[in-house]
Structure formats: structure tokens, C-alpha cells
Protein backbone atom coordinates (compact mmCIF):
# COMPACT_ATOMS: atom_id res chain seq x y z
CA MET A 1 76.15 -43.46 -13.51
CA TYR A 2 77.99 -40.17 -14.04
CA ASP A 3 81.76 -40.41 -13.49
CA HIS A 4 83.28 -37.29 -11.91
CA ARG A 5 86.68 -38.30 -13.28
CA ASP A 6 85.34 -38.27 -16.83
CA HIS A 7 84.16 -34.72 -16.28
CA VAL A 8 87.62 -33.62 -15.13
CA ALA A 9 89.17 -35.24 -18.20
CA GLU A 10 86.66 -33.53 -20.51
CA LEU A 11 87.19 -30.16 -18.81
CA CYS A 12 90.97 -30.45 -19.00
CA SER A 13 90.92 -31.48 -22.65
CA ARG A 14 89.11 -28.21 -23.42
CA LEU A 15 91.16 -25.97 -21.16
CA PHE A 16 94.64 -27.27 -21.95
CA ALA A 17 94.32 -27.69 -25.73
CA SER A 18 96.61 -24.66 -26.24
CA MET A 19 99.56 -26.33 -24.45
CA PRO A 20 101.98 -27.34 -27.20
CA ARG A 21 103.26 -30.59 -25.65
CA ARG A 22 101.34 -33.67 -24.55
CA GLY A 23 103.44 -33.90 -21.38
CA GLN A 24 102.33 -30.39 -20.38
CA ARG A 25 98.67 -31.25 -20.90
CA LEU A 26 99.04 -34.42 -18.83
CA LYS A 27 100.88 -32.59 -16.04
CA ALA A 28 98.23 -29.86 -15.97
CA GLU A 29 95.44 -32.41 -15.61
CA GLN A 30 97.36 -34.19 -12.84
CA TYR A 31 97.84 -30.88 -11.06
CA VAL A 32 94.11 -30.13 -11.23
CA ARG A 33 93.27 -33.58 -9.89
CA ALA A 34 95.76 -33.07 -7.06
CA LEU A 35 94.12 -29.76 -6.14
CA LEU A 36 90.80 -31.60 -5.95
CA SER A 37 92.22 -34.50 -3.92
CA VAL A 38 95.08 -33.40 -1.63
CA PRO A 39 93.89 -32.82 1.94
CA GLY A 40 94.98 -29.64 3.68
CA ARG A 41 97.25 -27.09 2.00
CA LYS A 42 97.91 -27.50 -1.70
CA THR A 43 101.65 -26.71 -1.65
CA LEU A 44 103.91 -27.82 -4.49
CA ARG A 45 105.41 -30.48 -2.20
CA ASN A 46 102.02 -31.89 -1.24
CA ILE A 47 100.89 -31.85 -4.86
CA ALA A 48 104.09 -33.62 -5.95
CA ASP A 49 103.63 -36.23 -3.21
CA TRP A 50 100.10 -36.95 -4.43
CA MET A 51 101.15 -37.10 -8.08
CA GLU A 52 104.04 -39.54 -7.57
CA GLY A 53 103.04 -41.45 -4.46
CA GLU A 54 106.30 -43.25 -3.64
CA PRO A 55 108.62 -41.46 -1.14
CA ALA A 56 111.71 -42.26 -3.20
CA ASP A 57 110.28 -40.35 -6.15
CA ARG A 58 109.14 -37.28 -4.26
CA GLU A 59 112.15 -34.98 -4.65
CA PRO A 60 112.36 -35.43 -8.44
CA ALA A 61 108.58 -35.08 -8.56
CA LYS A 62 108.72 -31.84 -6.61
CA GLN A 63 111.35 -30.47 -8.99
CA SER A 64 109.24 -31.50 -11.98
CA VAL A 65 106.11 -29.86 -10.59
CA HIS A 66 108.06 -26.72 -9.65
CA HIS A 67 109.45 -26.45 -13.18
CA PHE A 68 106.00 -26.98 -14.71
CA ILE A 69 104.52 -24.18 -12.63
CA SER A 70 107.38 -21.68 -12.45
CA ASN A 71 109.50 -22.16 -15.56
CA SER A 72 107.48 -23.97 -18.20
CA SER A 73 106.53 -22.34 -21.51
CA TRP A 74 102.75 -22.76 -21.48
CA ASP A 75 100.68 -19.60 -21.72
CA TRP A 76 98.27 -19.20 -18.81
CA THR A 77 96.29 -16.44 -20.57
CA ARG A 78 95.12 -18.87 -23.27
CA VAL A 79 94.02 -21.37 -20.62
CA ARG A 80 92.06 -18.63 -18.86
CA HIS A 81 90.34 -17.64 -22.10
CA ALA A 82 89.38 -21.27 -22.64
CA LEU A 83 88.10 -21.50 -19.06
CA ALA A 84 85.92 -18.41 -19.51
CA GLY A 85 84.44 -19.83 -22.71
CA TYR A 86 83.77 -23.16 -21.03
CA VAL A 87 82.07 -21.53 -18.04
CA GLU A 88 79.97 -19.31 -20.30
CA ASP A 89 78.68 -22.40 -22.10
CA ALA A 90 78.09 -24.31 -18.87
CA VAL A 91 76.31 -21.87 -16.58
CA ALA A 92 75.03 -18.94 -18.72
CA PRO A 93 76.56 -16.31 -16.39
CA ARG A 94 74.84 -12.96 -15.97
CA ALA A 95 77.90 -10.84 -15.24
CA TRP A 96 81.54 -10.63 -14.31
CA VAL A 97 82.23 -10.02 -10.63
CA VAL A 98 85.59 -8.49 -9.73
CA ARG A 99 86.59 -8.88 -6.09
CA PRO A 100 89.78 -8.64 -4.01
CA LEU A 101 91.80 -11.51 -2.60
CA VAL A 102 94.23 -10.99 0.26
CA ILE A 103 96.80 -13.70 1.02
CA PRO A 104 98.63 -13.03 4.32
CA LYS A 105 102.27 -14.15 4.33
CA ALA A 106 104.82 -14.42 7.12
CA GLY A 107 107.99 -14.10 5.02
CA PRO A 108 109.11 -11.49 2.45
CA HIS A 109 110.06 -13.70 -0.51
CA SER A 110 106.81 -14.70 -2.25
CA VAL A 111 106.16 -12.51 -5.27
CA GLY A 112 104.11 -9.40 -4.48
CA VAL A 113 104.42 -9.68 -0.69
CA ASP A 114 104.66 -6.32 1.06
CA GLN A 115 103.22 -4.25 3.86
CA GLN A 116 100.29 -2.74 1.99
CA PHE A 117 97.02 -1.06 2.78
CA VAL A 118 94.01 -3.17 1.81
CA PRO A 119 91.06 -0.86 0.97
CA HIS A 120 88.17 -3.25 1.63
CA LEU A 121 89.64 -4.20 5.03
CA GLY A 122 90.63 -0.65 5.94
CA MET A 123 93.94 -1.86 7.37
CA THR A 124 97.54 -2.69 6.46
CA VAL A 125 98.36 -6.35 5.84
CA HIS A 126 101.67 -8.11 5.21
CA GLY A 127 101.00 -10.33 2.25
CA GLN A 128 99.82 -10.45 -1.34
CA GLN A 129 96.93 -8.41 -2.69
CA ALA A 130 95.19 -9.57 -5.85
CA TYR A 131 91.93 -9.18 -7.75
CA GLY A 132 89.93 -11.96 -9.38
CA ALA A 133 87.37 -11.81 -12.19
CA TRP A 134 84.54 -14.32 -11.72
CA LEU A 135 81.81 -15.36 -14.12
CA ALA A 136 78.67 -15.59 -12.00
CA SER A 137 75.09 -16.75 -12.34
CA GLU A 138 72.48 -16.86 -9.59
CA GLN A 139 73.47 -20.48 -8.82
CA THR A 140 77.26 -20.55 -9.03
CA ALA A 141 80.45 -18.66 -9.87
CA VAL A 142 83.90 -19.52 -11.23
CA PRO A 143 87.09 -17.40 -11.17
CA CYS A 144 88.53 -17.02 -14.67
CA ASP A 145 91.19 -14.31 -14.47
CA TRP A 146 93.56 -12.83 -11.89
CA SER A 147 95.75 -9.80 -11.42
CA LEU A 148 98.42 -9.44 -8.73
CA LEU A 149 99.08 -5.98 -7.31
CA LEU A 150 102.81 -5.23 -7.31
CA THR A 151 104.16 -2.39 -5.18
CA ARG A 152 107.13 -0.18 -6.02
CA ALA A 153 109.24 -2.25 -3.61
CA TRP A 154 108.99 -4.99 -6.27
CA LEU A 155 108.85 -2.95 -9.44
CA ASP A 156 111.62 -0.44 -8.67
CA ASP A 157 114.18 -3.07 -7.57
CA PRO A 158 115.88 -4.59 -10.66
CA GLY A 159 117.24 -7.56 -8.68
CA ARG A 160 113.86 -8.38 -7.20
CA ARG A 161 112.18 -8.07 -10.58
CA ARG A 162 114.70 -10.40 -12.17
CA ARG A 163 114.48 -13.06 -9.47
CA ALA A 164 110.67 -13.00 -9.51
CA GLN A 165 110.61 -12.95 -13.33
CA ILE A 166 108.31 -9.93 -13.38
CA PRO A 167 107.73 -8.90 -17.01
CA ALA A 168 109.10 -5.59 -18.22
CA GLY A 169 105.61 -4.31 -19.03
CA ALA A 170 104.45 -4.43 -15.40
CA LEU A 171 104.16 -0.85 -14.14
CA PRO A 172 103.20 0.61 -10.74
CA SER A 173 99.41 0.82 -10.40
CA GLY A 174 96.96 1.44 -7.60
CA PRO A 175 94.23 -1.04 -6.69
CA GLU A 176 91.64 0.95 -8.66
CA GLU A 177 93.66 0.65 -11.86
CA VAL A 178 94.45 -3.04 -11.27
CA ALA A 179 90.80 -3.91 -10.58
CA GLY A 180 89.56 -1.67 -13.39
CA ARG A 181 91.87 -3.11 -16.05
CA LEU A 182 90.99 -6.64 -14.94
CA ALA A 183 87.30 -5.76 -15.31
CA LEU A 184 87.87 -4.35 -18.81
CA ASP A 185 89.92 -7.35 -19.91
CA ALA A 186 87.22 -9.69 -18.60
CA ALA A 187 84.38 -7.77 -20.26
CA ARG A 188 86.21 -7.80 -23.60
CA GLY A 189 87.33 -11.41 -23.36
CA LEU A 190 84.07 -13.06 -24.40
CA PRO A 191 82.08 -12.56 -27.60
CA SER A 192 78.94 -11.88 -25.56
CA ARG A 193 79.44 -8.60 -23.75
CA ARG A 194 78.51 -8.83 -20.06
CA PRO A 195 78.26 -6.18 -17.35
CA VAL A 196 80.76 -5.98 -14.52
CA VAL A 197 80.10 -5.92 -10.78
CA VAL A 198 83.06 -4.57 -8.77
CA ASP A 199 82.64 -5.85 -5.21
CA ALA A 200 85.60 -4.07 -3.60
CA GLU A 201 84.55 -1.58 -0.98
CA GLY A 202 87.08 1.13 -0.23
CA LEU A 203 88.30 1.79 -3.77
CA ASP A 204 88.10 5.38 -4.96
CA PRO A 205 84.94 5.43 -7.15
CA VAL A 206 86.22 8.33 -9.26
CA ARG A 207 89.43 6.48 -10.15
CA MET A 208 87.49 3.28 -10.80
CA LEU A 209 85.02 4.98 -13.11
CA ARG A 210 87.81 6.75 -14.98
CA VAL A 211 88.91 3.28 -16.05
CA LEU A 212 85.46 1.82 -16.81
CA VAL A 213 83.34 4.66 -18.19
CA PRO A 214 85.30 5.62 -21.35
CA ALA A 215 85.26 1.96 -22.45
CA GLY A 216 81.45 1.86 -22.29
CA VAL A 217 81.33 -1.17 -19.99
CA PRO A 218 78.08 -1.37 -17.96
CA ALA A 219 79.28 -1.54 -14.37
CA VAL A 220 77.97 -1.67 -10.82
CA VAL A 221 80.61 -0.58 -8.30
CA ARG A 222 80.38 -1.08 -4.55
CA VAL A 223 81.07 2.09 -2.56
CA PRO A 224 81.26 2.91 1.15
CA ALA A 225 78.29 4.46 2.93
CA SER A 226 80.45 7.56 3.46
CA THR A 227 80.92 8.21 -0.28
CA PRO A 228 80.14 11.90 -1.01
CA LEU A 229 77.51 12.30 -3.73
CA ARG A 230 74.98 14.81 -5.07
CA VAL A 231 71.51 14.20 -6.39
CA ASP A 232 71.59 14.51 -10.18
CA PRO A 233 70.01 17.91 -10.95
CA ALA A 234 69.23 16.81 -14.52
CA VAL A 235 66.71 14.31 -13.09
CA LEU A 236 65.57 15.70 -9.72
CA HIS A 237 65.44 19.41 -10.47
CA SER A 238 64.08 20.60 -7.13
CA TYR A 239 66.28 18.53 -4.83
CA SER A 240 69.21 20.12 -3.00
CA GLU A 241 72.50 19.86 -4.85
CA ARG A 242 74.52 19.98 -1.65
CA PRO A 243 76.87 16.99 -1.27
CA ALA A 244 75.79 14.28 1.14
CA THR A 245 76.99 10.77 1.89
CA ALA A 246 75.42 7.73 0.24
CA ASP A 247 73.68 6.63 3.43
CA GLN A 248 72.35 10.13 4.08
CA LEU A 249 70.86 10.33 0.59
CA VAL A 250 69.13 6.96 0.86
CA ALA A 251 67.76 7.77 4.32
CA GLY A 252 66.57 11.20 3.17
CA CYS A 253 64.74 9.99 0.05
CA ARG A 254 62.13 7.68 1.55
CA TRP A 255 59.73 8.57 -1.24
CA LEU A 256 62.01 6.66 -3.61
CA TRP A 257 61.98 3.46 -1.54
CA ARG A 258 60.25 0.52 -3.17
CA PRO A 259 59.36 -3.01 -2.00
CA ALA A 260 61.82 -5.73 -2.97
CA GLU A 261 61.64 -9.50 -3.04
CA GLY A 262 60.61 -11.08 0.25
CA ARG A 263 60.62 -8.54 3.08
CA GLY A 264 63.16 -6.40 1.29
CA VAL A 265 63.28 -2.69 0.58
CA ARG A 266 65.22 -1.17 -2.30
CA ALA A 267 66.18 2.36 -3.24
CA ALA A 268 67.53 3.86 -6.45
CA LEU A 269 68.59 7.50 -6.62
CA PRO A 270 69.95 9.43 -9.61
CA VAL A 271 73.25 10.91 -8.44
CA VAL A 272 76.57 12.33 -9.58
CA LEU A 273 79.97 12.38 -7.96
CA PRO A 274 81.04 15.92 -6.98
CA ALA A 275 84.36 15.32 -8.76
CA ALA A 276 82.56 14.20 -11.94
CA PRO A 277 79.30 16.15 -12.17
CA ARG A 278 78.65 15.31 -15.84
CA GLN A 279 78.50 11.55 -15.35
CA PRO A 280 74.98 10.28 -14.51
CA LEU A 281 74.97 7.42 -12.01
CA LEU A 282 72.44 5.43 -10.05
CA LEU A 283 72.91 4.96 -6.31
CA LEU A 284 71.50 1.55 -5.32
CA ALA A 285 70.76 -0.01 -1.96
CA ARG A 286 68.72 -2.91 -0.66
CA TRP A 287 67.94 -4.07 2.86
CA THR A 288 65.48 -6.08 4.94
CA ALA A 289 62.41 -4.24 6.21
CA GLY A 290 62.62 -3.42 9.89
CA THR A 291 66.42 -3.40 10.04
CA ARG A 292 68.64 -0.36 10.51
CA GLY A 293 69.08 0.08 6.78
CA PRO A 294 71.46 -0.92 3.99
CA ASP A 295 74.84 -2.45 4.74
CA ARG A 296 76.01 -2.10 1.14
CA TYR A 297 75.77 0.69 -1.41
CA TRP A 298 76.44 0.57 -5.15
CA LEU A 299 76.88 2.99 -8.05
CA ALA A 300 75.63 1.86 -11.46
CA THR A 301 76.93 3.40 -14.68
CA ALA A 302 75.29 3.70 -18.08
CA PRO A 303 75.87 0.96 -20.68
CA ASP A 304 76.66 3.27 -23.61
CA LEU A 305 79.21 5.89 -22.67
CA GLY A 306 81.76 7.79 -24.69
CA THR A 307 82.12 7.60 -28.45
CA PRO A 308 81.29 4.48 -30.52
CA SER A 309 84.97 3.54 -30.39
CA GLY A 310 84.76 3.39 -26.62
CA LEU A 311 87.59 5.88 -26.16
CA GLY A 312 85.63 8.82 -24.78
CA THR A 313 85.90 12.37 -26.09
CA ALA A 314 88.25 15.24 -25.55
CA SER A 315 85.86 16.84 -23.08
CA GLY A 316 85.54 13.73 -20.94
CA LEU A 317 88.19 11.47 -19.48
CA GLY A 318 91.13 13.29 -18.07
CA THR A 319 89.48 16.70 -17.86
CA ALA A 320 88.28 18.55 -14.82
CA SER A 321 84.71 18.34 -16.04
CA GLY A 322 84.23 14.65 -15.42
CA LEU A 323 84.94 11.05 -16.31
CA GLY A 324 83.63 10.91 -19.85
CA THR A 325 80.60 11.77 -21.88
CA ALA A 326 77.34 9.91 -21.82
CA SER A 327 74.65 9.62 -24.41
CA GLY A 328 72.08 11.03 -22.00
CA PRO A 329 70.20 10.15 -18.83
CA GLY A 330 67.99 7.76 -20.76
CA THR A 331 70.90 5.37 -21.38
CA SER A 332 71.42 4.35 -17.78
CA TRP A 333 69.92 0.85 -17.44
CA GLY A 334 66.68 2.01 -19.07
CA VAL A 335 66.72 5.20 -17.02
CA GLY A 336 65.07 8.40 -18.07
CA THR A 337 63.12 11.30 -16.66
CA ALA A 338 59.37 11.48 -16.68
CA ALA A 339 58.24 13.55 -19.62
CA GLY A 340 55.08 14.45 -21.45
CA PRO A 341 51.53 14.93 -20.14
CA GLY A 342 51.12 14.01 -16.51
CA ALA A 343 54.83 13.94 -15.71
CA PRO A 344 55.65 15.07 -12.15
CA ARG A 345 56.82 18.65 -12.02
CA THR A 346 59.73 17.55 -9.84
CA GLY A 347 61.22 15.55 -12.70
CA ALA A 348 60.71 12.30 -10.78
CA PRO A 349 62.85 9.52 -12.22
CA CYS A 350 61.35 6.70 -14.26
CA ARG A 351 64.30 4.42 -13.54
CA SER A 352 64.51 0.71 -14.11
CA ASP A 353 66.72 -0.25 -11.17
CA GLU A 354 65.84 -3.95 -11.06
CA ALA A 355 68.55 -5.05 -13.50
CA PRO A 356 71.59 -3.48 -11.80
CA LEU A 357 70.23 -4.24 -8.33
CA ALA A 358 69.81 -7.90 -9.27
CA LEU A 359 73.42 -7.95 -10.41
CA THR A 360 74.61 -6.86 -6.97
CA ALA A 361 73.25 -10.13 -5.54
CA LEU A 362 75.86 -11.98 -7.63
CA ALA A 363 78.49 -10.72 -5.18
CA ASP A 364 76.93 -13.01 -2.56
CA THR A 365 77.06 -15.94 -5.00
CA VAL A 366 80.77 -15.34 -5.53
CA GLU A 367 81.47 -15.03 -1.81
CA LEU A 368 79.74 -18.34 -1.14
CA ALA A 369 81.59 -20.08 -4.00
CA PHE A 370 84.89 -18.69 -2.74
CA ARG A 371 84.38 -19.96 0.80
CA ARG A 372 82.95 -23.36 -0.15
CA VAL A 373 85.15 -24.18 -3.14
CA SER A 374 88.11 -21.89 -3.87
CA GLU A 375 89.57 -22.09 -0.38
CA GLN A 376 89.40 -25.89 -0.67
CA THR A 377 91.17 -26.00 -4.05
CA GLY A 378 94.34 -24.12 -3.13
CA ILE A 379 93.57 -20.56 -4.13
CA ARG A 380 95.67 -19.17 -1.24
CA ASP A 381 98.29 -21.91 -1.07
CA PHE A 382 101.00 -21.01 -3.60
CA VAL A 383 104.29 -20.22 -1.84
CA GLY A 384 106.60 -19.87 -4.85
CA ARG A 385 108.62 -16.77 -5.63
CA SER A 386 107.98 -16.26 -9.35
CA PHE A 387 105.37 -14.09 -11.04
CA GLN A 388 104.75 -16.77 -13.67
CA GLY A 389 104.43 -19.45 -11.00
CA TRP A 390 101.80 -17.46 -9.12
CA HIS A 391 99.73 -16.94 -12.28
CA ARG A 392 99.99 -20.55 -13.43
CA HIS A 393 98.98 -21.87 -10.01
CA MET A 394 96.02 -19.47 -9.86
CA THR A 395 94.98 -20.57 -13.35
CA LEU A 396 95.00 -24.26 -12.42
CA ALA A 397 93.32 -23.58 -9.08
CA SER A 398 90.57 -21.82 -11.03
CA ALA A 399 90.28 -24.86 -13.30
CA ALA A 400 89.97 -27.08 -10.20
CA HIS A 401 87.25 -24.76 -8.88
CA ALA A 402 85.39 -25.11 -12.19
CA ALA A 403 85.71 -28.90 -12.05
CA ALA A 404 84.32 -28.92 -8.52
CA VAL A 405 81.27 -26.72 -9.14
CA LEU A 406 80.45 -28.09 -12.61
CA SER A 407 80.82 -31.77 -11.77
CA ASP A 408 77.05 -32.23 -11.51
CA ARG A 409 75.75 -33.66 -14.79
CA ARG A 410 72.94 -31.11 -14.86
CA ALA A 411 75.41 -28.22 -14.71
CA VAL A 412 77.40 -29.39 -17.71
CA HIS A 413 74.59 -30.90 -19.77
CA GLY A 414 74.51 -27.94 -22.14
CA VAL A 415 78.26 -27.54 -22.64
CA ARG A 416 79.00 -27.47 -26.35
CA ALA A 417 81.83 -29.43 -27.87
CA ALA A 418 85.04 -27.55 -28.50
């Protein structure tokens, strides 16, 4: 009979091998087991109570756990790299999914807490705003990396920075830059290069693509229905180049609708952003036949953009002409224009939209995993005040999530030895 506890021990031995001291590795495993076992909120006090058990030992235990999370020397980035490698072996993920996490807070002291506008909610929230990078397959998903958005109220106040132990290299950034850099770090973090799905409606697509395109990372970015776009004249020569919103373009191009799995309908339109007319993109949507239409829209980039070094060219990123250079319409997910004898005079697209459209479904896998697992393993429960403490807790909560979803013998059968 398969022992769940043995799986946790095996997982932790892989993930925490970089911790220099045996006591740190033991404490990390205990912390993960507590996240999997403690009922209710996974605060440091509740975790310490579970780890020690006896009331007389609880205050020293709490101090020990607090030191391990907030002031210890172990490097959470190495644990996250190990987690990503473990998950890649275990579930054969198809892509990274980057999505926001909002943690409402009542008080002002937890690191990163501020009154801040949350793009995907369209409203201001008092709390923390973060982005997570998840490795996702059709069956499951695991968070492997995190980035906390820090406002100027935290970064421009030397006293606040010192008390929260915010590193000197942390600079003010908008949500597009935070999410974009997290996506790039995730895509570069594994030997096998994987595309990125950014499921964060409300982010400025131009700013997002300015981060992703020059690096040549294949990406599918969620955009609002109101996003202004133009049909790509290099592909659909006779179509109006007047800007229209994403939903207007999909509704107006019924001849590009195609049947999808089940009773679904899908659409893929070659488009450009008015602010970046040289960057070919693919507008994607899918919905159930007979309904009012799509509730989500996506822009897919090309996989090979910029120069071989991935840095773009002088005429691309940072110029008024667009986001970067591309190696032609035929590079976009197997996209090209019809050519040769019998090709439609309109330049009708011969686009292979199935691959990027299938990737968008991974956002639903991540949402389900977040609700069923992450919220049960303490992903929102850290109440400490330090930057390091927040990242270490999120790292161990991600490890607990992995232990929960990979505990089935069939899910871990193919995991290779370290």
C-alpha cells in the first residue's frame, strides 16, 4: 500500500537538498507537513503548535519557526528551481501559466500591503498583490515561483525597506513588468523551453509584450474584450485597417469561425496592436455554440522573435515602430499566408491556432488547482512583515501544494531520481 508520508519525505529530500544544514532540511519538511495537516489558517503560531504539540513548548516553537521563515539563511530560489524540476519530471507540463494573486489585509504592516489598483479585478484593494508562475498540464498544476509587487510607499521609505528586509535591488515596477519578468524567469528556468500563458486580464498588452517579445518566448496573453486591435494587413490584405475592439473583430469575422471540441466554436484572427503595428499576433477566442459569445480573449505571439540572442534589434523594442522584430508571419505558431496556385486572393490565413488555443485551457486547470489545493495549504495565510519571510512561506506552501497533488502513486511513478 502506498504511504503518503513516504511521498512527502521523498519530495522534501529532493526539494531541500540545497539547504546547508540538516536542521534546516528537517524544519522545512516539518513545515510542509504542517501545511498539509493544520486545520484552518496556516499561521506561524498554528504551524508551531502542530510541530511541537505541548502547550509549554509553543512559545519557543513559535520563535524557532519564525526565525526559520524570516531570518534563516536558506535560499528559496534554489528550492523553487528544484521544485520546478521535480514537477517537470512528474507531470510533463505543457506550459507555464502566470496569474495574479491578491491577498486582502486589514492592517498596514505585512510586507507589500498598500491601497493598490488590481487590474484583473478592476478595483482598488487594500492588501498584497503578487504573481505566481505555475507549471501546468491538462490534469494538474503546481505553483513554482512567485513575485510580490512592491509599491513606492515601500520602496521609497528607507525605514520601511530596512524593517521589511527588502533587498537593495528591488525597484519600482508596474504589474506588467512584474508579471513579465516572472514569466521570463520561469521560461528560462528549465532546460526544456516551454511557452507561457499569462492569465491576468487588465494588464496593458503593449507593456506585457515589450517584456516578452524581445526574449523570443512563445506567449499567450489574456486581454480584455475592449482591447483595441487592427486586422494584420500583411495577412488579410482587403480587410479594413481601422481599429476595433477584440470582441468586435471576432463578431465581425464569422467566416473565420471554426468548430471546436464538443459544442464549441473557436476563432483565430491575424491582428496587430495599433501601438505596435510591426508585431504579428493572433487573436484567439473560444465559446460554446448558442451562447452570447466569448468571455475570454487572448493574444498569441510568435515563438521566434528578435535576434538569435533574444535581445531584439535596434529597430524594435523601445522604438515607436513596435515591440521588436519578427522573423515573418510564418513563424507564429505555424502561421502563414496562403500562397501559390489556388490561394485565395484575399490572402486568407492558413493559421494553426489549435496549439495556442489549447494552451489557454490550462488557465482553467490552474484556477481549479488553486481553489482545491493552494487555498487549503496556506497560500494566503502568511502574516509576517519581512520580504524574505513572505518568499520562504510561499516556497514551502508551493511544496505542500506539490505534495498534495502528486501524492497519487500514478502521478509520481515516472519521477526520476535526483
